[in-house]
Amino acid sequence: MKNAKLIIVLALALGLASCGNQPASNENASNENTQETPAVTVTETPFDWGMLKLGMEIPDKIEGCTVEPVTYMAEGEEQIKYAVKKEGELLVELEPAFDLESMQFTKTMDVMNVYSDQYQTKDNFHVGSKINDVLAAYPEAFTSLAMDGNIYVDVNGTQFMVLPEGFEGKLPEIKSSEGAIIAKPTFKPDAQVKMIRIYK
């Protein structure tokens, strides 16, 4: 069976995926940024600041897009993430790492939540793909029901989120903050990926 590692290609077909049209130009677009990370590697994008990659500093600006800090509550604590939007459409959310020594969030990108179908994996899966196709490609995927009520199909550090109405049958009861394992997931034929989460 092929390796489950995924590559998220941050590029829009026919040039519609980028926030701007300028090639990468600053020092962040170095050869170091093309090195592979444990679970996800991204290619160069037309963003003028270089490449979007886990471990890099979350940019304050992206040409043609807005980068907006958003605060929210999770597990009783205030959290922060950064919403990247183009003409009001949410493309990606960037979550920063938390520093346990200072007990503060950093500007280092720790998680990417992809909401736009403009981005796809190397196997052409994207928001809007059928989750049954993902499971067929990655039968070793780990599936669980999270505290937020959504279902996540985890493939080696990349999660494909599906809404609960896409599930066929009865969902398990959540008894802890870790969620609930779905040992033999069965989805409706038209159930689609609604978000792709890259966390390592």
N, C-alpha and C. Protein backbone atom coordinates (compact mmCIF):
# COMPACT_ATOMS: atom_id res chain seq x y z
N MET A 1 0.85 -1.20 0.00
CA MET A 1 0.00 0.00 0.00
C MET A 1 0.88 1.24 0.00
N LYS A 2 0.54 2.22 -0.72
CA LYS A 2 1.35 3.43 -0.79
C LYS A 2 1.37 4.14 0.54
N ASN A 3 2.42 4.90 0.76
CA ASN A 3 2.55 5.67 1.99
C ASN A 3 1.42 6.67 2.11
N ALA A 4 0.97 6.87 3.35
CA ALA A 4 -0.19 7.74 3.56
C ALA A 4 0.19 9.20 3.62
N LYS A 5 1.46 9.51 3.49
CA LYS A 5 1.86 10.92 3.57
C LYS A 5 1.18 11.74 2.49
N LEU A 6 0.73 12.94 2.85
CA LEU A 6 0.04 13.80 1.91
C LEU A 6 0.86 15.03 1.63
N ILE A 7 0.71 15.57 0.44
CA ILE A 7 1.33 16.83 0.08
C ILE A 7 0.23 17.80 -0.28
N ILE A 8 0.13 18.90 0.45
CA ILE A 8 -0.86 19.91 0.13
C ILE A 8 -0.23 20.89 -0.85
N VAL A 9 -0.81 21.00 -2.02
CA VAL A 9 -0.30 21.90 -3.04
C VAL A 9 -1.08 23.19 -2.95
N LEU A 10 -0.41 24.26 -2.51
CA LEU A 10 -1.08 25.53 -2.36
C LEU A 10 -1.02 26.31 -3.65
N ALA A 11 -1.88 25.92 -4.58
CA ALA A 11 -1.94 26.60 -5.87
C ALA A 11 -3.32 26.45 -6.45
N LEU A 12 -3.83 27.43 -7.11
CA LEU A 12 -5.16 27.37 -7.71
C LEU A 12 -5.06 27.03 -9.19
N ALA A 13 -5.93 26.14 -9.65
CA ALA A 13 -5.99 25.84 -11.08
C ALA A 13 -6.34 27.10 -11.85
N LEU A 14 -5.67 27.27 -13.00
CA LEU A 14 -5.90 28.41 -13.89
C LEU A 14 -5.62 29.74 -13.20
N GLY A 15 -4.79 29.70 -12.16
CA GLY A 15 -4.37 30.95 -11.52
C GLY A 15 -5.39 31.55 -10.59
N LEU A 16 -6.44 30.82 -10.23
CA LEU A 16 -7.48 31.39 -9.38
C LEU A 16 -7.22 31.14 -7.90
N ALA A 17 -6.21 30.33 -7.57
CA ALA A 17 -6.04 29.94 -6.17
C ALA A 17 -5.24 30.93 -5.36
N SER A 18 -4.48 31.79 -5.96
CA SER A 18 -3.60 32.66 -5.19
C SER A 18 -4.30 33.94 -4.77
N CYS A 19 -3.76 34.54 -3.70
CA CYS A 19 -4.28 35.84 -3.28
C CYS A 19 -3.72 36.93 -4.17
N GLY A 20 -2.50 36.75 -4.62
CA GLY A 20 -1.87 37.74 -5.49
C GLY A 20 -1.27 37.06 -6.69
N ASN A 21 -0.70 37.82 -7.59
CA ASN A 21 -0.16 37.25 -8.82
C ASN A 21 1.35 37.39 -8.93
N GLN A 22 1.99 37.87 -7.86
CA GLN A 22 3.42 38.07 -7.90
C GLN A 22 4.14 36.80 -7.46
N PRO A 23 5.28 36.49 -8.06
CA PRO A 23 6.03 35.32 -7.64
C PRO A 23 6.65 35.53 -6.28
N ALA A 24 7.00 34.42 -5.61
CA ALA A 24 7.67 34.52 -4.31
C ALA A 24 8.95 35.30 -4.49
N SER A 25 9.19 36.27 -3.56
CA SER A 25 10.32 37.14 -3.80
C SER A 25 11.18 37.41 -2.58
N ASN A 26 10.68 37.16 -1.34
CA ASN A 26 11.52 37.57 -0.22
C ASN A 26 12.37 36.43 0.27
N GLU A 27 13.14 36.68 1.33
CA GLU A 27 14.14 35.73 1.77
C GLU A 27 13.53 34.46 2.34
N ASN A 28 12.25 34.48 2.69
CA ASN A 28 11.62 33.27 3.18
C ASN A 28 11.50 32.21 2.10
N ALA A 29 11.55 32.61 0.84
CA ALA A 29 11.44 31.66 -0.26
C ALA A 29 12.80 31.07 -0.58
N SER A 30 13.43 30.49 0.43
CA SER A 30 14.76 29.93 0.26
C SER A 30 14.66 28.43 0.07
N ASN A 31 15.79 27.82 -0.21
CA ASN A 31 15.80 26.39 -0.39
C ASN A 31 15.43 25.65 0.88
N GLU A 32 15.71 26.28 2.05
CA GLU A 32 15.38 25.66 3.32
C GLU A 32 13.89 25.40 3.43
N ASN A 33 13.07 26.25 2.87
CA ASN A 33 11.62 26.12 2.98
C ASN A 33 11.05 25.04 2.08
N THR A 34 11.87 24.46 1.23
CA THR A 34 11.39 23.40 0.36
C THR A 34 11.64 22.03 0.98
N GLN A 35 12.32 22.00 2.16
CA GLN A 35 12.61 20.73 2.79
C GLN A 35 11.33 20.10 3.31
N GLU A 36 11.32 18.77 3.34
CA GLU A 36 10.13 18.03 3.72
C GLU A 36 9.91 18.08 5.22
N THR A 37 8.67 18.23 5.64
CA THR A 37 8.31 18.16 7.04
C THR A 37 7.68 16.81 7.29
N PRO A 38 7.50 16.39 8.55
CA PRO A 38 7.04 15.03 8.82
C PRO A 38 5.76 14.61 8.10
N ALA A 39 4.79 15.52 7.96
CA ALA A 39 3.51 15.09 7.41
C ALA A 39 3.04 15.88 6.21
N VAL A 40 3.63 17.01 5.97
CA VAL A 40 3.12 17.82 4.86
C VAL A 40 4.24 18.65 4.26
N THR A 41 4.27 18.71 2.98
CA THR A 41 5.20 19.59 2.28
C THR A 41 4.38 20.44 1.32
N VAL A 42 4.70 21.71 1.23
CA VAL A 42 3.97 22.55 0.29
C VAL A 42 4.92 23.07 -0.78
N THR A 43 4.37 23.33 -1.93
CA THR A 43 5.17 23.86 -3.01
C THR A 43 5.10 25.38 -3.00
N GLU A 44 5.91 26.01 -3.84
CA GLU A 44 5.87 27.47 -3.92
C GLU A 44 4.50 27.96 -4.36
N THR A 45 4.11 29.09 -3.86
CA THR A 45 2.85 29.69 -4.23
C THR A 45 3.12 31.05 -4.86
N PRO A 46 2.14 31.63 -5.52
CA PRO A 46 2.33 32.98 -6.05
C PRO A 46 2.34 34.06 -4.97
N PHE A 47 2.15 33.70 -3.68
CA PHE A 47 2.20 34.70 -2.63
C PHE A 47 3.57 35.38 -2.65
N ASP A 48 3.60 36.69 -2.50
CA ASP A 48 4.87 37.40 -2.64
C ASP A 48 5.79 37.17 -1.44
N TRP A 49 5.29 36.56 -0.35
CA TRP A 49 6.14 36.33 0.82
C TRP A 49 6.76 34.95 0.83
N GLY A 50 6.46 34.12 -0.14
CA GLY A 50 7.11 32.82 -0.19
C GLY A 50 6.14 31.67 -0.04
N MET A 51 6.48 30.70 0.79
CA MET A 51 5.70 29.47 0.89
C MET A 51 4.97 29.37 2.22
N LEU A 52 3.79 28.77 2.17
CA LEU A 52 3.01 28.52 3.37
C LEU A 52 3.39 27.14 3.88
N LYS A 53 3.96 27.09 5.08
CA LYS A 53 4.51 25.84 5.58
C LYS A 53 4.44 25.79 7.09
N LEU A 54 4.11 24.63 7.64
CA LEU A 54 4.13 24.46 9.07
C LEU A 54 5.52 24.78 9.61
N GLY A 55 5.57 25.49 10.73
CA GLY A 55 6.85 25.85 11.33
C GLY A 55 7.35 27.22 10.95
N MET A 56 6.76 27.83 9.92
CA MET A 56 7.18 29.18 9.54
C MET A 56 6.41 30.20 10.37
N GLU A 57 6.87 31.43 10.35
CA GLU A 57 6.18 32.49 11.06
C GLU A 57 4.91 32.87 10.31
N ILE A 58 3.81 33.00 11.04
CA ILE A 58 2.56 33.40 10.42
C ILE A 58 2.69 34.84 9.92
N PRO A 59 2.44 35.07 8.64
CA PRO A 59 2.64 36.41 8.08
C PRO A 59 1.56 37.38 8.53
N ASP A 60 1.94 38.63 8.65
CA ASP A 60 0.97 39.68 8.99
C ASP A 60 0.16 40.10 7.77
N LYS A 61 0.78 39.97 6.59
CA LYS A 61 0.13 40.39 5.35
C LYS A 61 0.42 39.38 4.24
N ILE A 62 -0.53 39.21 3.35
CA ILE A 62 -0.35 38.43 2.14
C ILE A 62 -0.97 39.25 1.01
N GLU A 63 -0.22 39.50 -0.02
CA GLU A 63 -0.72 40.33 -1.11
C GLU A 63 -2.01 39.77 -1.70
N GLY A 64 -3.02 40.60 -1.79
CA GLY A 64 -4.29 40.19 -2.37
C GLY A 64 -5.24 39.53 -1.38
N CYS A 65 -4.76 39.30 -0.15
CA CYS A 65 -5.58 38.64 0.87
C CYS A 65 -5.58 39.48 2.14
N THR A 66 -6.48 39.15 3.03
CA THR A 66 -6.44 39.71 4.38
C THR A 66 -6.05 38.59 5.34
N VAL A 67 -5.30 38.95 6.37
CA VAL A 67 -4.92 38.01 7.43
C VAL A 67 -5.48 38.58 8.72
N GLU A 68 -6.52 37.96 9.24
CA GLU A 68 -7.26 38.52 10.37
C GLU A 68 -7.12 37.63 11.60
N PRO A 69 -6.65 38.19 12.73
CA PRO A 69 -6.63 37.40 13.98
C PRO A 69 -8.05 37.20 14.48
N VAL A 70 -8.33 35.99 14.93
CA VAL A 70 -9.66 35.65 15.43
C VAL A 70 -9.49 34.97 16.80
N THR A 71 -10.15 35.49 17.81
CA THR A 71 -10.11 34.86 19.12
C THR A 71 -11.38 34.04 19.33
N TYR A 72 -11.23 32.95 20.04
CA TYR A 72 -12.37 32.06 20.29
C TYR A 72 -12.09 31.27 21.57
N MET A 73 -13.11 30.67 22.12
CA MET A 73 -12.98 29.89 23.35
C MET A 73 -12.94 28.40 23.01
N ALA A 74 -12.01 27.69 23.63
CA ALA A 74 -11.90 26.24 23.47
C ALA A 74 -11.46 25.65 24.80
N GLU A 75 -12.23 24.69 25.30
CA GLU A 75 -11.94 24.04 26.57
C GLU A 75 -11.76 25.07 27.69
N GLY A 76 -12.59 26.12 27.64
CA GLY A 76 -12.57 27.13 28.69
C GLY A 76 -11.45 28.13 28.60
N GLU A 77 -10.64 28.06 27.56
CA GLU A 77 -9.50 28.97 27.40
C GLU A 77 -9.65 29.78 26.12
N GLU A 78 -9.18 31.03 26.17
CA GLU A 78 -9.20 31.86 24.97
C GLU A 78 -8.08 31.44 24.03
N GLN A 79 -8.41 31.20 22.79
CA GLN A 79 -7.45 30.78 21.78
C GLN A 79 -7.41 31.83 20.67
N ILE A 80 -6.38 31.72 19.82
CA ILE A 80 -6.28 32.64 18.68
C ILE A 80 -5.91 31.87 17.43
N LYS A 81 -6.44 32.30 16.31
CA LYS A 81 -6.06 31.76 15.01
C LYS A 81 -6.12 32.91 14.02
N TYR A 82 -5.59 32.68 12.83
CA TYR A 82 -5.51 33.74 11.82
C TYR A 82 -6.24 33.27 10.56
N ALA A 83 -7.24 34.03 10.16
CA ALA A 83 -8.05 33.69 8.99
C ALA A 83 -7.49 34.38 7.75
N VAL A 84 -7.15 33.61 6.75
CA VAL A 84 -6.67 34.14 5.47
C VAL A 84 -7.86 34.16 4.51
N LYS A 85 -8.23 35.35 4.06
CA LYS A 85 -9.41 35.48 3.21
C LYS A 85 -9.05 36.22 1.92
N LYS A 86 -9.77 35.87 0.87
CA LYS A 86 -9.66 36.58 -0.40
C LYS A 86 -11.06 37.03 -0.80
N GLU A 87 -11.24 38.32 -0.90
CA GLU A 87 -12.54 38.90 -1.25
C GLU A 87 -13.64 38.35 -0.35
N GLY A 88 -13.32 38.21 0.93
CA GLY A 88 -14.29 37.76 1.91
C GLY A 88 -14.41 36.25 2.05
N GLU A 89 -13.83 35.50 1.13
CA GLU A 89 -13.92 34.03 1.19
C GLU A 89 -12.79 33.48 2.06
N LEU A 90 -13.14 32.64 3.03
CA LEU A 90 -12.14 32.02 3.89
C LEU A 90 -11.41 30.94 3.12
N LEU A 91 -10.09 31.11 2.99
CA LEU A 91 -9.26 30.12 2.31
C LEU A 91 -8.63 29.15 3.31
N VAL A 92 -7.93 29.72 4.29
CA VAL A 92 -7.17 28.91 5.23
C VAL A 92 -7.19 29.59 6.60
N GLU A 93 -7.22 28.80 7.65
CA GLU A 93 -6.99 29.29 9.00
C GLU A 93 -5.63 28.80 9.47
N LEU A 94 -4.86 29.68 10.08
CA LEU A 94 -3.53 29.34 10.57
C LEU A 94 -3.55 29.41 12.10
N GLU A 95 -3.18 28.32 12.75
CA GLU A 95 -3.17 28.27 14.21
C GLU A 95 -1.73 28.33 14.70
N PRO A 96 -1.43 29.22 15.65
CA PRO A 96 -0.07 29.34 16.15
C PRO A 96 0.25 28.31 17.23
N ALA A 97 1.53 28.06 17.40
CA ALA A 97 1.99 27.17 18.47
C ALA A 97 1.88 27.89 19.81
N PHE A 98 1.76 27.11 20.88
CA PHE A 98 1.68 27.66 22.24
C PHE A 98 2.98 27.36 22.96
N ASP A 99 3.59 28.40 23.54
CA ASP A 99 4.86 28.26 24.26
C ASP A 99 4.57 27.98 25.73
N LEU A 100 4.94 26.80 26.20
CA LEU A 100 4.65 26.41 27.58
C LEU A 100 5.47 27.18 28.60
N GLU A 101 6.63 27.70 28.21
CA GLU A 101 7.45 28.46 29.15
C GLU A 101 6.86 29.83 29.43
N SER A 102 6.50 30.54 28.37
CA SER A 102 5.91 31.87 28.54
C SER A 102 4.40 31.82 28.74
N MET A 103 3.81 30.64 28.45
CA MET A 103 2.36 30.46 28.54
C MET A 103 1.63 31.44 27.62
N GLN A 104 2.21 31.63 26.44
CA GLN A 104 1.60 32.52 25.45
C GLN A 104 1.68 31.88 24.07
N PHE A 105 0.78 32.33 23.21
CA PHE A 105 0.84 31.88 21.82
C PHE A 105 1.96 32.60 21.10
N THR A 106 2.64 31.86 20.22
CA THR A 106 3.71 32.43 19.41
C THR A 106 3.13 32.83 18.05
N LYS A 107 4.00 33.22 17.12
CA LYS A 107 3.57 33.46 15.74
C LYS A 107 4.03 32.32 14.82
N THR A 108 4.49 31.22 15.42
CA THR A 108 4.92 30.07 14.62
C THR A 108 3.72 29.23 14.20
N MET A 109 3.60 28.96 12.91
CA MET A 109 2.46 28.21 12.40
C MET A 109 2.53 26.75 12.84
N ASP A 110 1.49 26.30 13.55
CA ASP A 110 1.46 24.95 14.09
C ASP A 110 0.42 24.07 13.39
N VAL A 111 -0.66 24.70 12.91
CA VAL A 111 -1.76 23.97 12.28
C VAL A 111 -2.30 24.80 11.13
N MET A 112 -2.68 24.14 10.03
CA MET A 112 -3.39 24.78 8.93
C MET A 112 -4.74 24.11 8.75
N ASN A 113 -5.80 24.91 8.71
CA ASN A 113 -7.14 24.41 8.41
C ASN A 113 -7.55 24.95 7.05
N VAL A 114 -7.68 24.08 6.07
CA VAL A 114 -7.95 24.49 4.69
C VAL A 114 -9.46 24.36 4.42
N TYR A 115 -10.09 25.46 4.02
CA TYR A 115 -11.52 25.48 3.75
C TYR A 115 -11.85 25.65 2.27
N SER A 116 -10.87 25.96 1.47
CA SER A 116 -11.10 26.23 0.06
C SER A 116 -10.75 25.02 -0.80
N ASP A 117 -11.55 24.77 -1.83
CA ASP A 117 -11.25 23.68 -2.75
C ASP A 117 -10.13 24.04 -3.72
N GLN A 118 -9.55 25.21 -3.55
CA GLN A 118 -8.44 25.64 -4.39
C GLN A 118 -7.16 24.86 -4.08
N TYR A 119 -7.09 24.22 -2.93
CA TYR A 119 -5.89 23.51 -2.51
C TYR A 119 -6.16 22.02 -2.50
N GLN A 120 -5.19 21.22 -2.91
CA GLN A 120 -5.42 19.79 -2.99
C GLN A 120 -4.18 19.01 -2.57
N THR A 121 -4.40 17.73 -2.24
CA THR A 121 -3.28 16.86 -1.90
C THR A 121 -2.68 16.32 -3.19
N LYS A 122 -1.57 15.63 -3.05
CA LYS A 122 -0.90 15.07 -4.23
C LYS A 122 -1.77 14.03 -4.93
N ASP A 123 -2.75 13.50 -4.20
CA ASP A 123 -3.67 12.53 -4.79
C ASP A 123 -4.97 13.19 -5.22
N ASN A 124 -4.92 14.52 -5.33
CA ASN A 124 -6.05 15.31 -5.85
C ASN A 124 -7.28 15.32 -4.95
N PHE A 125 -7.08 15.10 -3.65
CA PHE A 125 -8.18 15.25 -2.71
C PHE A 125 -8.22 16.69 -2.22
N HIS A 126 -9.41 17.21 -2.05
CA HIS A 126 -9.58 18.61 -1.66
C HIS A 126 -10.93 18.76 -0.97
N VAL A 127 -11.18 19.95 -0.43
CA VAL A 127 -12.49 20.23 0.12
C VAL A 127 -13.53 20.02 -0.98
N GLY A 128 -14.52 19.18 -0.71
CA GLY A 128 -15.50 18.82 -1.72
C GLY A 128 -15.32 17.41 -2.25
N SER A 129 -14.14 16.81 -2.01
CA SER A 129 -13.94 15.42 -2.42
C SER A 129 -14.85 14.50 -1.59
N LYS A 130 -15.18 13.35 -2.14
CA LYS A 130 -15.98 12.38 -1.41
C LYS A 130 -15.11 11.64 -0.40
N ILE A 131 -15.57 11.59 0.84
CA ILE A 131 -14.76 10.97 1.89
C ILE A 131 -14.57 9.48 1.65
N ASN A 132 -15.51 8.84 0.97
CA ASN A 132 -15.34 7.41 0.66
C ASN A 132 -14.17 7.18 -0.30
N ASP A 133 -13.89 8.16 -1.15
CA ASP A 133 -12.73 8.06 -2.03
C ASP A 133 -11.43 8.17 -1.23
N VAL A 134 -11.45 9.03 -0.22
CA VAL A 134 -10.28 9.17 0.66
C VAL A 134 -10.03 7.86 1.40
N LEU A 135 -11.08 7.28 1.95
CA LEU A 135 -10.94 6.02 2.69
C LEU A 135 -10.49 4.88 1.78
N ALA A 136 -10.92 4.90 0.54
CA ALA A 136 -10.49 3.87 -0.41
C ALA A 136 -9.00 3.99 -0.68
N ALA A 137 -8.50 5.22 -0.74
CA ALA A 137 -7.08 5.46 -1.00
C ALA A 137 -6.24 5.19 0.24
N TYR A 138 -6.81 5.42 1.42
CA TYR A 138 -6.08 5.26 2.68
C TYR A 138 -6.89 4.40 3.65
N PRO A 139 -6.98 3.10 3.42
CA PRO A 139 -7.78 2.23 4.29
C PRO A 139 -7.25 2.16 5.71
N GLU A 140 -5.99 2.56 5.93
CA GLU A 140 -5.41 2.55 7.27
C GLU A 140 -5.75 3.81 8.07
N ALA A 141 -6.54 4.71 7.49
CA ALA A 141 -6.88 5.97 8.16
C ALA A 141 -7.61 5.71 9.48
N PHE A 142 -7.37 6.62 10.42
CA PHE A 142 -8.00 6.55 11.75
C PHE A 142 -9.17 7.53 11.77
N THR A 143 -10.36 7.06 12.12
CA THR A 143 -11.55 7.90 12.10
C THR A 143 -12.10 8.08 13.51
N SER A 144 -12.47 9.33 13.83
CA SER A 144 -13.01 9.61 15.16
C SER A 144 -14.04 10.72 15.11
N LEU A 145 -14.88 10.73 16.15
CA LEU A 145 -15.86 11.78 16.35
C LEU A 145 -15.30 12.72 17.40
N ALA A 146 -15.18 14.01 17.05
CA ALA A 146 -14.55 14.98 17.94
C ALA A 146 -15.58 15.69 18.80
N MET A 147 -15.06 16.44 19.78
CA MET A 147 -15.92 17.18 20.70
C MET A 147 -16.75 18.23 19.98
N ASP A 148 -16.29 18.71 18.84
CA ASP A 148 -17.04 19.72 18.09
C ASP A 148 -18.21 19.12 17.31
N GLY A 149 -18.36 17.79 17.40
CA GLY A 149 -19.46 17.12 16.73
C GLY A 149 -19.16 16.67 15.32
N ASN A 150 -17.99 17.02 14.80
CA ASN A 150 -17.62 16.65 13.44
C ASN A 150 -16.77 15.38 13.44
N ILE A 151 -16.70 14.75 12.28
CA ILE A 151 -15.94 13.51 12.12
C ILE A 151 -14.63 13.82 11.41
N TYR A 152 -13.54 13.23 11.91
CA TYR A 152 -12.22 13.47 11.33
C TYR A 152 -11.59 12.15 10.91
N VAL A 153 -11.20 12.10 9.64
CA VAL A 153 -10.48 10.94 9.10
C VAL A 153 -9.01 11.33 9.03
N ASP A 154 -8.20 10.70 9.86
CA ASP A 154 -6.80 11.09 10.07
C ASP A 154 -5.87 10.20 9.26
N VAL A 155 -5.06 10.85 8.42
CA VAL A 155 -4.07 10.13 7.62
C VAL A 155 -2.70 10.70 7.93
N ASN A 156 -2.05 10.15 8.94
CA ASN A 156 -0.66 10.51 9.24
C ASN A 156 -0.43 12.01 9.37
N GLY A 157 -1.23 12.66 10.20
CA GLY A 157 -1.02 14.08 10.45
C GLY A 157 -1.85 15.01 9.61
N THR A 158 -2.68 14.48 8.75
CA THR A 158 -3.60 15.29 7.96
C THR A 158 -5.01 14.74 8.18
N GLN A 159 -5.93 15.62 8.57
CA GLN A 159 -7.30 15.19 8.86
C GLN A 159 -8.28 15.74 7.83
N PHE A 160 -9.18 14.87 7.41
CA PHE A 160 -10.26 15.26 6.51
C PHE A 160 -11.54 15.32 7.35
N MET A 161 -12.13 16.52 7.44
CA MET A 161 -13.31 16.69 8.27
C MET A 161 -14.59 16.47 7.48
N VAL A 162 -15.52 15.74 8.09
CA VAL A 162 -16.83 15.46 7.49
C VAL A 162 -17.90 15.83 8.50
N LEU A 163 -18.98 16.45 8.05
CA LEU A 163 -20.08 16.79 8.94
C LEU A 163 -20.81 15.52 9.38
N PRO A 164 -21.38 15.52 10.59
CA PRO A 164 -22.03 14.30 11.09
C PRO A 164 -23.17 13.79 10.23
N GLU A 165 -23.85 14.69 9.51
CA GLU A 165 -24.95 14.23 8.66
C GLU A 165 -24.47 13.39 7.48
N GLY A 166 -23.16 13.40 7.23
CA GLY A 166 -22.61 12.57 6.17
C GLY A 166 -22.39 11.13 6.59
N PHE A 167 -22.55 10.87 7.91
CA PHE A 167 -22.31 9.52 8.43
C PHE A 167 -23.54 8.66 8.23
N GLU A 168 -23.32 7.39 7.95
CA GLU A 168 -24.42 6.46 7.75
C GLU A 168 -24.48 5.52 8.96
N GLY A 169 -25.55 5.61 9.71
CA GLY A 169 -25.66 4.80 10.90
C GLY A 169 -25.60 5.65 12.16
N LYS A 170 -25.42 5.00 13.30
CA LYS A 170 -25.41 5.68 14.59
C LYS A 170 -23.99 6.02 15.00
N LEU A 171 -23.78 7.27 15.38
CA LEU A 171 -22.46 7.70 15.83
C LEU A 171 -22.24 7.26 17.28
N PRO A 172 -20.98 6.99 17.65
CA PRO A 172 -20.70 6.58 19.03
C PRO A 172 -20.89 7.73 20.02
N GLU A 173 -21.06 7.40 21.27
CA GLU A 173 -21.20 8.40 22.32
C GLU A 173 -19.83 8.92 22.72
N ILE A 174 -19.73 10.24 22.86
CA ILE A 174 -18.47 10.84 23.30
C ILE A 174 -18.43 10.85 24.82
N LYS A 175 -17.39 10.23 25.40
CA LYS A 175 -17.30 10.12 26.86
C LYS A 175 -16.09 10.85 27.43
N SER A 176 -15.27 11.43 26.58
CA SER A 176 -14.10 12.17 27.06
C SER A 176 -13.75 13.28 26.08
N SER A 177 -12.85 14.15 26.50
CA SER A 177 -12.43 15.26 25.65
C SER A 177 -11.65 14.79 24.44
N GLU A 178 -11.24 13.52 24.44
CA GLU A 178 -10.50 12.96 23.31
C GLU A 178 -11.42 12.57 22.16
N GLY A 179 -12.74 12.64 22.41
CA GLY A 179 -13.69 12.24 21.38
C GLY A 179 -13.97 10.75 21.45
N ALA A 180 -14.43 10.19 20.35
CA ALA A 180 -14.77 8.77 20.31
C ALA A 180 -14.27 8.15 19.01
N ILE A 181 -13.68 6.98 19.14
CA ILE A 181 -13.17 6.25 17.97
C ILE A 181 -14.33 5.65 17.18
N ILE A 182 -14.24 5.74 15.86
CA ILE A 182 -15.21 5.07 14.97
C ILE A 182 -14.45 3.95 14.28
N ALA A 183 -14.63 2.73 14.78
CA ALA A 183 -13.82 1.60 14.33
C ALA A 183 -14.06 1.24 12.87
N LYS A 184 -15.33 1.21 12.47
CA LYS A 184 -15.67 0.85 11.09
C LYS A 184 -16.58 1.92 10.50
N PRO A 185 -15.99 3.03 10.06
CA PRO A 185 -16.81 4.15 9.58
C PRO A 185 -17.54 3.83 8.28
N THR A 186 -18.77 4.24 8.22
CA THR A 186 -19.57 4.08 7.00
C THR A 186 -20.20 5.43 6.68
N PHE A 187 -19.89 5.96 5.52
CA PHE A 187 -20.40 7.28 5.15
C PHE A 187 -21.38 7.15 3.99
N LYS A 188 -22.26 8.12 3.88
CA LYS A 188 -23.19 8.16 2.77
C LYS A 188 -22.40 8.39 1.47
N PRO A 189 -22.91 7.90 0.35
CA PRO A 189 -22.16 8.01 -0.92
C PRO A 189 -21.78 9.44 -1.29
N ASP A 190 -22.61 10.42 -0.91
CA ASP A 190 -22.33 11.80 -1.31
C ASP A 190 -21.66 12.62 -0.20
N ALA A 191 -21.22 11.98 0.87
CA ALA A 191 -20.57 12.70 1.97
C ALA A 191 -19.25 13.30 1.49
N GLN A 192 -19.08 14.61 1.77
CA GLN A 192 -17.91 15.33 1.26
C GLN A 192 -16.99 15.82 2.37
N VAL A 193 -15.74 16.01 2.00
CA VAL A 193 -14.76 16.65 2.88
C VAL A 193 -15.10 18.13 2.98
N LYS A 194 -15.25 18.65 4.19
CA LYS A 194 -15.59 20.05 4.40
C LYS A 194 -14.40 20.90 4.82
N MET A 195 -13.38 20.26 5.33
CA MET A 195 -12.17 20.97 5.75
C MET A 195 -11.03 19.98 5.82
N ILE A 196 -9.81 20.45 5.51
CA ILE A 196 -8.62 19.63 5.64
C ILE A 196 -7.70 20.27 6.67
N ARG A 197 -7.36 19.53 7.69
CA ARG A 197 -6.54 20.04 8.80
C ARG A 197 -5.16 19.38 8.75
N ILE A 198 -4.13 20.20 8.70
CA ILE A 198 -2.75 19.70 8.66
C ILE A 198 -2.08 20.11 9.97
N TYR A 199 -1.64 19.13 10.75
CA TYR A 199 -1.13 19.48 12.08
C TYR A 199 0.25 18.94 12.38
N LYS A 200 0.88 18.22 11.47
CA LYS A 200 2.27 17.82 11.70
C LYS A 200 2.91 17.37 10.40
